[in-house]
Amino acid sequence: MENDGVVVRVLLIDDVITAGTAITEAMHILTVAKANVVGVVISLDRQEKASVTDSRSAIQVVEASFQIPVVSIANLNSLVRLLEDQGASSSGLSADDRQTYVTTIKQYRADYGVQG
């Protein structure tokens, strides 16, 4: 994307990445507009497999497909650690509620998450 001959550099920012669909769509739009996308920042990486047939994470697929770095502020692993480490008073959740969330997230990660 040029403005009076100046190349516009774009940093994509998204709230969460699951399969990378929103980023892929944005990249196509920005590519048509001739923007220079220099990277992506995600607030939460759900650490999911890109698809049933692709065991890479969505972040790995986006990085490989568009040759740009993707960084996340937090991921599912850090969320689990936070819930496990926090006392009930600091999280506002009862110990039972925290344990329920941790168990549910771990099962979700086992079903849909990338290994490692």
N, C-alpha and C. Protein backbone atom coordinates (compact mmCIF):
# COMPACT_ATOMS: atom_id res chain seq x y z
N MET A 1 0.85 -1.15 0.00
CA MET A 1 0.00 0.00 0.00
C MET A 1 0.91 1.22 0.00
N GLU A 2 0.71 2.07 -0.95
CA GLU A 2 1.53 3.27 -1.05
C GLU A 2 0.69 4.51 -0.89
N ASN A 3 1.27 5.48 -0.24
CA ASN A 3 0.65 6.77 -0.07
C ASN A 3 1.68 7.79 -0.51
N ASP A 4 1.50 8.35 -1.69
CA ASP A 4 2.48 9.29 -2.25
C ASP A 4 3.86 8.66 -2.33
N GLY A 5 3.93 7.40 -2.76
CA GLY A 5 5.21 6.72 -2.94
C GLY A 5 5.79 6.11 -1.68
N VAL A 6 5.13 6.27 -0.56
CA VAL A 6 5.60 5.70 0.70
C VAL A 6 4.92 4.35 0.92
N VAL A 7 5.73 3.33 1.17
CA VAL A 7 5.18 2.00 1.43
C VAL A 7 4.61 1.97 2.85
N VAL A 8 3.38 1.51 2.97
CA VAL A 8 2.73 1.43 4.27
C VAL A 8 2.99 0.06 4.88
N ARG A 9 3.57 0.07 6.07
CA ARG A 9 3.82 -1.17 6.81
C ARG A 9 2.67 -1.40 7.78
N VAL A 10 2.18 -2.64 7.83
CA VAL A 10 1.01 -2.96 8.64
C VAL A 10 1.36 -4.05 9.65
N LEU A 11 0.94 -3.84 10.89
CA LEU A 11 1.02 -4.86 11.92
C LEU A 11 -0.40 -5.27 12.24
N LEU A 12 -0.75 -6.52 11.94
CA LEU A 12 -2.09 -7.01 12.24
C LEU A 12 -2.19 -7.33 13.73
N ILE A 13 -3.31 -6.96 14.32
CA ILE A 13 -3.57 -7.27 15.73
C ILE A 13 -4.92 -7.95 15.81
N ASP A 14 -4.95 -9.11 16.49
CA ASP A 14 -6.20 -9.87 16.60
C ASP A 14 -6.35 -10.36 18.03
N ASP A 15 -7.59 -10.60 18.43
CA ASP A 15 -7.84 -11.00 19.81
C ASP A 15 -7.46 -12.46 20.08
N VAL A 16 -7.77 -13.35 19.16
CA VAL A 16 -7.53 -14.77 19.40
C VAL A 16 -7.25 -15.46 18.07
N ILE A 17 -6.43 -16.49 18.11
CA ILE A 17 -6.22 -17.28 16.90
C ILE A 17 -6.67 -18.71 17.20
N THR A 18 -7.50 -19.22 16.31
CA THR A 18 -7.96 -20.60 16.41
C THR A 18 -7.40 -21.36 15.21
N ALA A 19 -7.97 -21.14 14.06
CA ALA A 19 -7.50 -21.80 12.84
C ALA A 19 -6.73 -20.85 11.93
N GLY A 20 -6.72 -19.56 12.25
CA GLY A 20 -6.01 -18.58 11.44
C GLY A 20 -6.82 -18.03 10.29
N THR A 21 -8.11 -18.33 10.25
CA THR A 21 -8.97 -17.92 9.14
C THR A 21 -9.06 -16.41 9.00
N ALA A 22 -9.28 -15.71 10.09
CA ALA A 22 -9.41 -14.24 10.03
C ALA A 22 -8.12 -13.59 9.55
N ILE A 23 -6.99 -14.10 10.00
CA ILE A 23 -5.70 -13.54 9.57
C ILE A 23 -5.49 -13.81 8.09
N THR A 24 -5.80 -15.01 7.65
CA THR A 24 -5.65 -15.35 6.23
C THR A 24 -6.51 -14.44 5.36
N GLU A 25 -7.74 -14.21 5.77
CA GLU A 25 -8.62 -13.31 5.01
C GLU A 25 -8.08 -11.89 4.99
N ALA A 26 -7.61 -11.41 6.14
CA ALA A 26 -7.04 -10.06 6.20
C ALA A 26 -5.79 -9.96 5.33
N MET A 27 -4.97 -11.00 5.34
CA MET A 27 -3.75 -10.98 4.51
C MET A 27 -4.09 -10.88 3.03
N HIS A 28 -5.11 -11.58 2.59
CA HIS A 28 -5.50 -11.50 1.18
C HIS A 28 -5.97 -10.10 0.82
N ILE A 29 -6.77 -9.49 1.69
CA ILE A 29 -7.24 -8.12 1.44
C ILE A 29 -6.06 -7.16 1.40
N LEU A 30 -5.15 -7.28 2.35
CA LEU A 30 -4.01 -6.37 2.41
C LEU A 30 -3.03 -6.60 1.27
N THR A 31 -2.91 -7.84 0.82
CA THR A 31 -2.04 -8.14 -0.33
C THR A 31 -2.58 -7.47 -1.58
N VAL A 32 -3.88 -7.54 -1.79
CA VAL A 32 -4.50 -6.88 -2.94
C VAL A 32 -4.26 -5.37 -2.87
N ALA A 33 -4.29 -4.83 -1.65
CA ALA A 33 -4.08 -3.39 -1.46
C ALA A 33 -2.59 -3.02 -1.48
N LYS A 34 -1.73 -4.02 -1.69
CA LYS A 34 -0.29 -3.85 -1.77
C LYS A 34 0.32 -3.33 -0.46
N ALA A 35 -0.29 -3.71 0.65
CA ALA A 35 0.27 -3.36 1.96
C ALA A 35 1.42 -4.30 2.29
N ASN A 36 2.35 -3.82 3.07
CA ASN A 36 3.48 -4.61 3.52
C ASN A 36 3.20 -5.05 4.97
N VAL A 37 2.64 -6.24 5.13
CA VAL A 37 2.33 -6.74 6.47
C VAL A 37 3.63 -7.27 7.07
N VAL A 38 4.01 -6.71 8.23
CA VAL A 38 5.30 -7.05 8.83
C VAL A 38 5.18 -8.03 9.99
N GLY A 39 3.96 -8.31 10.44
CA GLY A 39 3.79 -9.27 11.52
C GLY A 39 2.38 -9.26 12.05
N VAL A 40 2.16 -10.18 12.99
CA VAL A 40 0.84 -10.33 13.61
C VAL A 40 1.04 -10.45 15.12
N VAL A 41 0.19 -9.76 15.88
CA VAL A 41 0.16 -9.90 17.33
C VAL A 41 -1.22 -10.45 17.72
N ILE A 42 -1.21 -11.48 18.52
CA ILE A 42 -2.43 -12.14 18.97
C ILE A 42 -2.49 -12.02 20.50
N SER A 43 -3.66 -11.71 21.03
CA SER A 43 -3.75 -11.65 22.50
C SER A 43 -3.76 -13.06 23.10
N LEU A 44 -4.51 -14.01 22.50
CA LEU A 44 -4.56 -15.38 23.03
C LEU A 44 -4.42 -16.40 21.91
N ASP A 45 -3.37 -17.20 22.02
CA ASP A 45 -3.17 -18.32 21.10
C ASP A 45 -3.80 -19.56 21.74
N ARG A 46 -4.85 -20.06 21.10
CA ARG A 46 -5.53 -21.25 21.64
C ARG A 46 -4.73 -22.52 21.41
N GLN A 47 -3.63 -22.43 20.69
CA GLN A 47 -2.71 -23.55 20.45
C GLN A 47 -3.41 -24.75 19.83
N GLU A 48 -4.30 -24.45 18.90
CA GLU A 48 -5.03 -25.52 18.22
C GLU A 48 -4.29 -25.98 16.97
N LYS A 49 -4.56 -27.22 16.60
CA LYS A 49 -4.09 -27.73 15.32
C LYS A 49 -4.75 -26.90 14.22
N ALA A 50 -4.01 -26.68 13.16
CA ALA A 50 -4.54 -25.89 12.05
C ALA A 50 -5.76 -26.55 11.42
N SER A 51 -5.74 -27.87 11.35
CA SER A 51 -6.87 -28.61 10.79
C SER A 51 -6.77 -30.07 11.21
N VAL A 52 -7.74 -30.83 10.84
CA VAL A 52 -7.74 -32.26 11.16
C VAL A 52 -6.57 -32.96 10.48
N THR A 53 -6.18 -32.48 9.31
CA THR A 53 -5.11 -33.12 8.55
C THR A 53 -3.75 -32.46 8.73
N ASP A 54 -3.68 -31.37 9.49
CA ASP A 54 -2.42 -30.63 9.66
C ASP A 54 -2.16 -30.47 11.15
N SER A 55 -1.11 -31.12 11.65
CA SER A 55 -0.83 -31.09 13.09
C SER A 55 -0.09 -29.84 13.54
N ARG A 56 0.27 -28.96 12.59
CA ARG A 56 0.91 -27.70 12.98
C ARG A 56 -0.11 -26.79 13.65
N SER A 57 0.39 -25.84 14.43
CA SER A 57 -0.51 -24.86 15.04
C SER A 57 -0.92 -23.84 13.98
N ALA A 58 -2.00 -23.14 14.26
CA ALA A 58 -2.44 -22.09 13.34
C ALA A 58 -1.36 -21.02 13.18
N ILE A 59 -0.66 -20.71 14.25
CA ILE A 59 0.43 -19.72 14.16
C ILE A 59 1.52 -20.22 13.22
N GLN A 60 1.90 -21.48 13.33
CA GLN A 60 2.93 -22.03 12.45
C GLN A 60 2.50 -21.96 10.99
N VAL A 61 1.23 -22.23 10.72
CA VAL A 61 0.73 -22.18 9.34
C VAL A 61 0.76 -20.75 8.81
N VAL A 62 0.32 -19.79 9.62
CA VAL A 62 0.33 -18.39 9.18
C VAL A 62 1.76 -17.93 8.93
N GLU A 63 2.67 -18.25 9.84
CA GLU A 63 4.07 -17.85 9.66
C GLU A 63 4.66 -18.44 8.38
N ALA A 64 4.38 -19.72 8.13
CA ALA A 64 4.92 -20.37 6.94
C ALA A 64 4.25 -19.87 5.66
N SER A 65 2.96 -19.64 5.72
CA SER A 65 2.22 -19.23 4.52
C SER A 65 2.57 -17.82 4.07
N PHE A 66 2.80 -16.92 5.03
CA PHE A 66 2.99 -15.51 4.69
C PHE A 66 4.39 -14.99 5.00
N GLN A 67 5.24 -15.85 5.54
CA GLN A 67 6.62 -15.48 5.85
C GLN A 67 6.69 -14.23 6.74
N ILE A 68 5.86 -14.22 7.79
CA ILE A 68 5.85 -13.12 8.75
C ILE A 68 5.84 -13.71 10.16
N PRO A 69 6.39 -12.97 11.13
CA PRO A 69 6.33 -13.46 12.51
C PRO A 69 4.94 -13.26 13.11
N VAL A 70 4.56 -14.20 13.97
CA VAL A 70 3.30 -14.11 14.72
C VAL A 70 3.66 -14.32 16.18
N VAL A 71 3.30 -13.36 17.02
CA VAL A 71 3.56 -13.49 18.45
C VAL A 71 2.25 -13.37 19.21
N SER A 72 2.20 -14.07 20.34
CA SER A 72 0.99 -13.99 21.17
C SER A 72 1.37 -13.46 22.54
N ILE A 73 0.44 -12.74 23.13
CA ILE A 73 0.63 -12.22 24.48
C ILE A 73 0.47 -13.35 25.50
N ALA A 74 -0.50 -14.22 25.27
CA ALA A 74 -0.76 -15.35 26.15
C ALA A 74 -1.19 -16.54 25.30
N ASN A 75 -1.11 -17.72 25.89
CA ASN A 75 -1.59 -18.91 25.19
C ASN A 75 -2.33 -19.81 26.18
N LEU A 76 -2.87 -20.88 25.67
CA LEU A 76 -3.66 -21.78 26.51
C LEU A 76 -2.84 -22.33 27.67
N ASN A 77 -1.57 -22.64 27.43
CA ASN A 77 -0.72 -23.15 28.51
C ASN A 77 -0.57 -22.12 29.63
N SER A 78 -0.35 -20.85 29.26
CA SER A 78 -0.19 -19.82 30.30
C SER A 78 -1.50 -19.59 31.05
N LEU A 79 -2.62 -19.73 30.37
CA LEU A 79 -3.92 -19.59 31.03
C LEU A 79 -4.12 -20.71 32.05
N VAL A 80 -3.76 -21.93 31.69
CA VAL A 80 -3.87 -23.06 32.62
C VAL A 80 -2.97 -22.82 33.83
N ARG A 81 -1.71 -22.41 33.58
CA ARG A 81 -0.79 -22.15 34.69
C ARG A 81 -1.35 -21.08 35.63
N LEU A 82 -1.90 -20.03 35.06
CA LEU A 82 -2.47 -18.95 35.87
C LEU A 82 -3.60 -19.48 36.75
N LEU A 83 -4.49 -20.25 36.16
CA LEU A 83 -5.61 -20.80 36.93
C LEU A 83 -5.14 -21.77 38.01
N GLU A 84 -4.11 -22.55 37.70
CA GLU A 84 -3.59 -23.51 38.68
C GLU A 84 -2.85 -22.82 39.82
N ASP A 85 -2.16 -21.72 39.50
CA ASP A 85 -1.30 -21.05 40.49
C ASP A 85 -2.03 -20.03 41.35
N GLN A 86 -3.12 -19.48 40.85
CA GLN A 86 -3.81 -18.42 41.59
C GLN A 86 -4.57 -18.98 42.78
N GLY A 87 -4.55 -18.22 43.87
CA GLY A 87 -5.41 -18.55 44.99
C GLY A 87 -6.83 -18.10 44.67
N ALA A 88 -7.78 -18.70 45.32
CA ALA A 88 -9.18 -18.38 45.05
C ALA A 88 -9.47 -16.90 45.25
N SER A 89 -8.85 -16.27 46.23
CA SER A 89 -9.15 -14.86 46.51
C SER A 89 -8.65 -13.95 45.39
N SER A 90 -7.52 -14.27 44.78
CA SER A 90 -6.98 -13.38 43.75
C SER A 90 -7.67 -13.55 42.40
N SER A 91 -8.28 -14.70 42.16
CA SER A 91 -8.93 -14.92 40.87
C SER A 91 -10.42 -14.60 40.91
N GLY A 92 -10.99 -14.55 42.10
CA GLY A 92 -12.43 -14.33 42.20
C GLY A 92 -13.23 -15.60 41.97
N LEU A 93 -12.54 -16.72 41.77
CA LEU A 93 -13.20 -18.01 41.55
C LEU A 93 -12.97 -18.92 42.74
N SER A 94 -13.91 -19.78 43.00
CA SER A 94 -13.69 -20.78 44.05
C SER A 94 -12.69 -21.81 43.53
N ALA A 95 -12.08 -22.52 44.45
CA ALA A 95 -11.12 -23.57 44.06
C ALA A 95 -11.79 -24.60 43.17
N ASP A 96 -13.04 -24.95 43.48
CA ASP A 96 -13.77 -25.92 42.66
C ASP A 96 -14.00 -25.40 41.24
N ASP A 97 -14.38 -24.12 41.13
CA ASP A 97 -14.59 -23.53 39.80
C ASP A 97 -13.29 -23.50 39.00
N ARG A 98 -12.19 -23.10 39.67
CA ARG A 98 -10.90 -23.07 38.97
C ARG A 98 -10.54 -24.46 38.48
N GLN A 99 -10.72 -25.47 39.32
CA GLN A 99 -10.39 -26.84 38.93
C GLN A 99 -11.26 -27.31 37.78
N THR A 100 -12.53 -26.94 37.79
CA THR A 100 -13.43 -27.29 36.68
C THR A 100 -12.93 -26.68 35.38
N TYR A 101 -12.56 -25.39 35.43
CA TYR A 101 -12.04 -24.73 34.23
C TYR A 101 -10.76 -25.38 33.74
N VAL A 102 -9.85 -25.67 34.66
CA VAL A 102 -8.57 -26.29 34.28
C VAL A 102 -8.81 -27.64 33.63
N THR A 103 -9.67 -28.45 34.22
CA THR A 103 -9.97 -29.77 33.67
C THR A 103 -10.59 -29.65 32.27
N THR A 104 -11.52 -28.73 32.11
CA THR A 104 -12.17 -28.53 30.81
C THR A 104 -11.18 -28.06 29.76
N ILE A 105 -10.32 -27.11 30.12
CA ILE A 105 -9.32 -26.60 29.17
C ILE A 105 -8.34 -27.70 28.79
N LYS A 106 -7.90 -28.48 29.76
CA LYS A 106 -6.95 -29.56 29.46
C LYS A 106 -7.57 -30.60 28.53
N GLN A 107 -8.83 -30.91 28.72
CA GLN A 107 -9.50 -31.86 27.83
C GLN A 107 -9.61 -31.28 26.42
N TYR A 108 -9.97 -30.01 26.34
CA TYR A 108 -10.06 -29.31 25.05
C TYR A 108 -8.70 -29.36 24.35
N ARG A 109 -7.64 -29.07 25.11
CA ARG A 109 -6.28 -29.08 24.54
C ARG A 109 -5.91 -30.47 24.07
N ALA A 110 -6.28 -31.51 24.83
CA ALA A 110 -5.99 -32.89 24.41
C ALA A 110 -6.72 -33.25 23.12
N ASP A 111 -7.94 -32.75 22.97
CA ASP A 111 -8.74 -33.06 21.78
C ASP A 111 -8.31 -32.28 20.54
N TYR A 112 -8.00 -31.00 20.72
CA TYR A 112 -7.79 -30.12 19.56
C TYR A 112 -6.41 -29.45 19.50
N GLY A 113 -5.64 -29.55 20.56
CA GLY A 113 -4.40 -28.80 20.64
C GLY A 113 -3.23 -29.45 19.95
N VAL A 114 -2.23 -28.62 19.67
CA VAL A 114 -0.97 -29.13 19.13
C VAL A 114 -0.20 -29.79 20.25
N GLN A 115 0.65 -30.72 19.90
CA GLN A 115 1.46 -31.42 20.89
C GLN A 115 2.72 -30.61 21.17
N GLY A 116 3.14 -30.64 22.42
CA GLY A 116 4.40 -30.00 22.78
C GLY A 116 4.27 -28.68 23.42
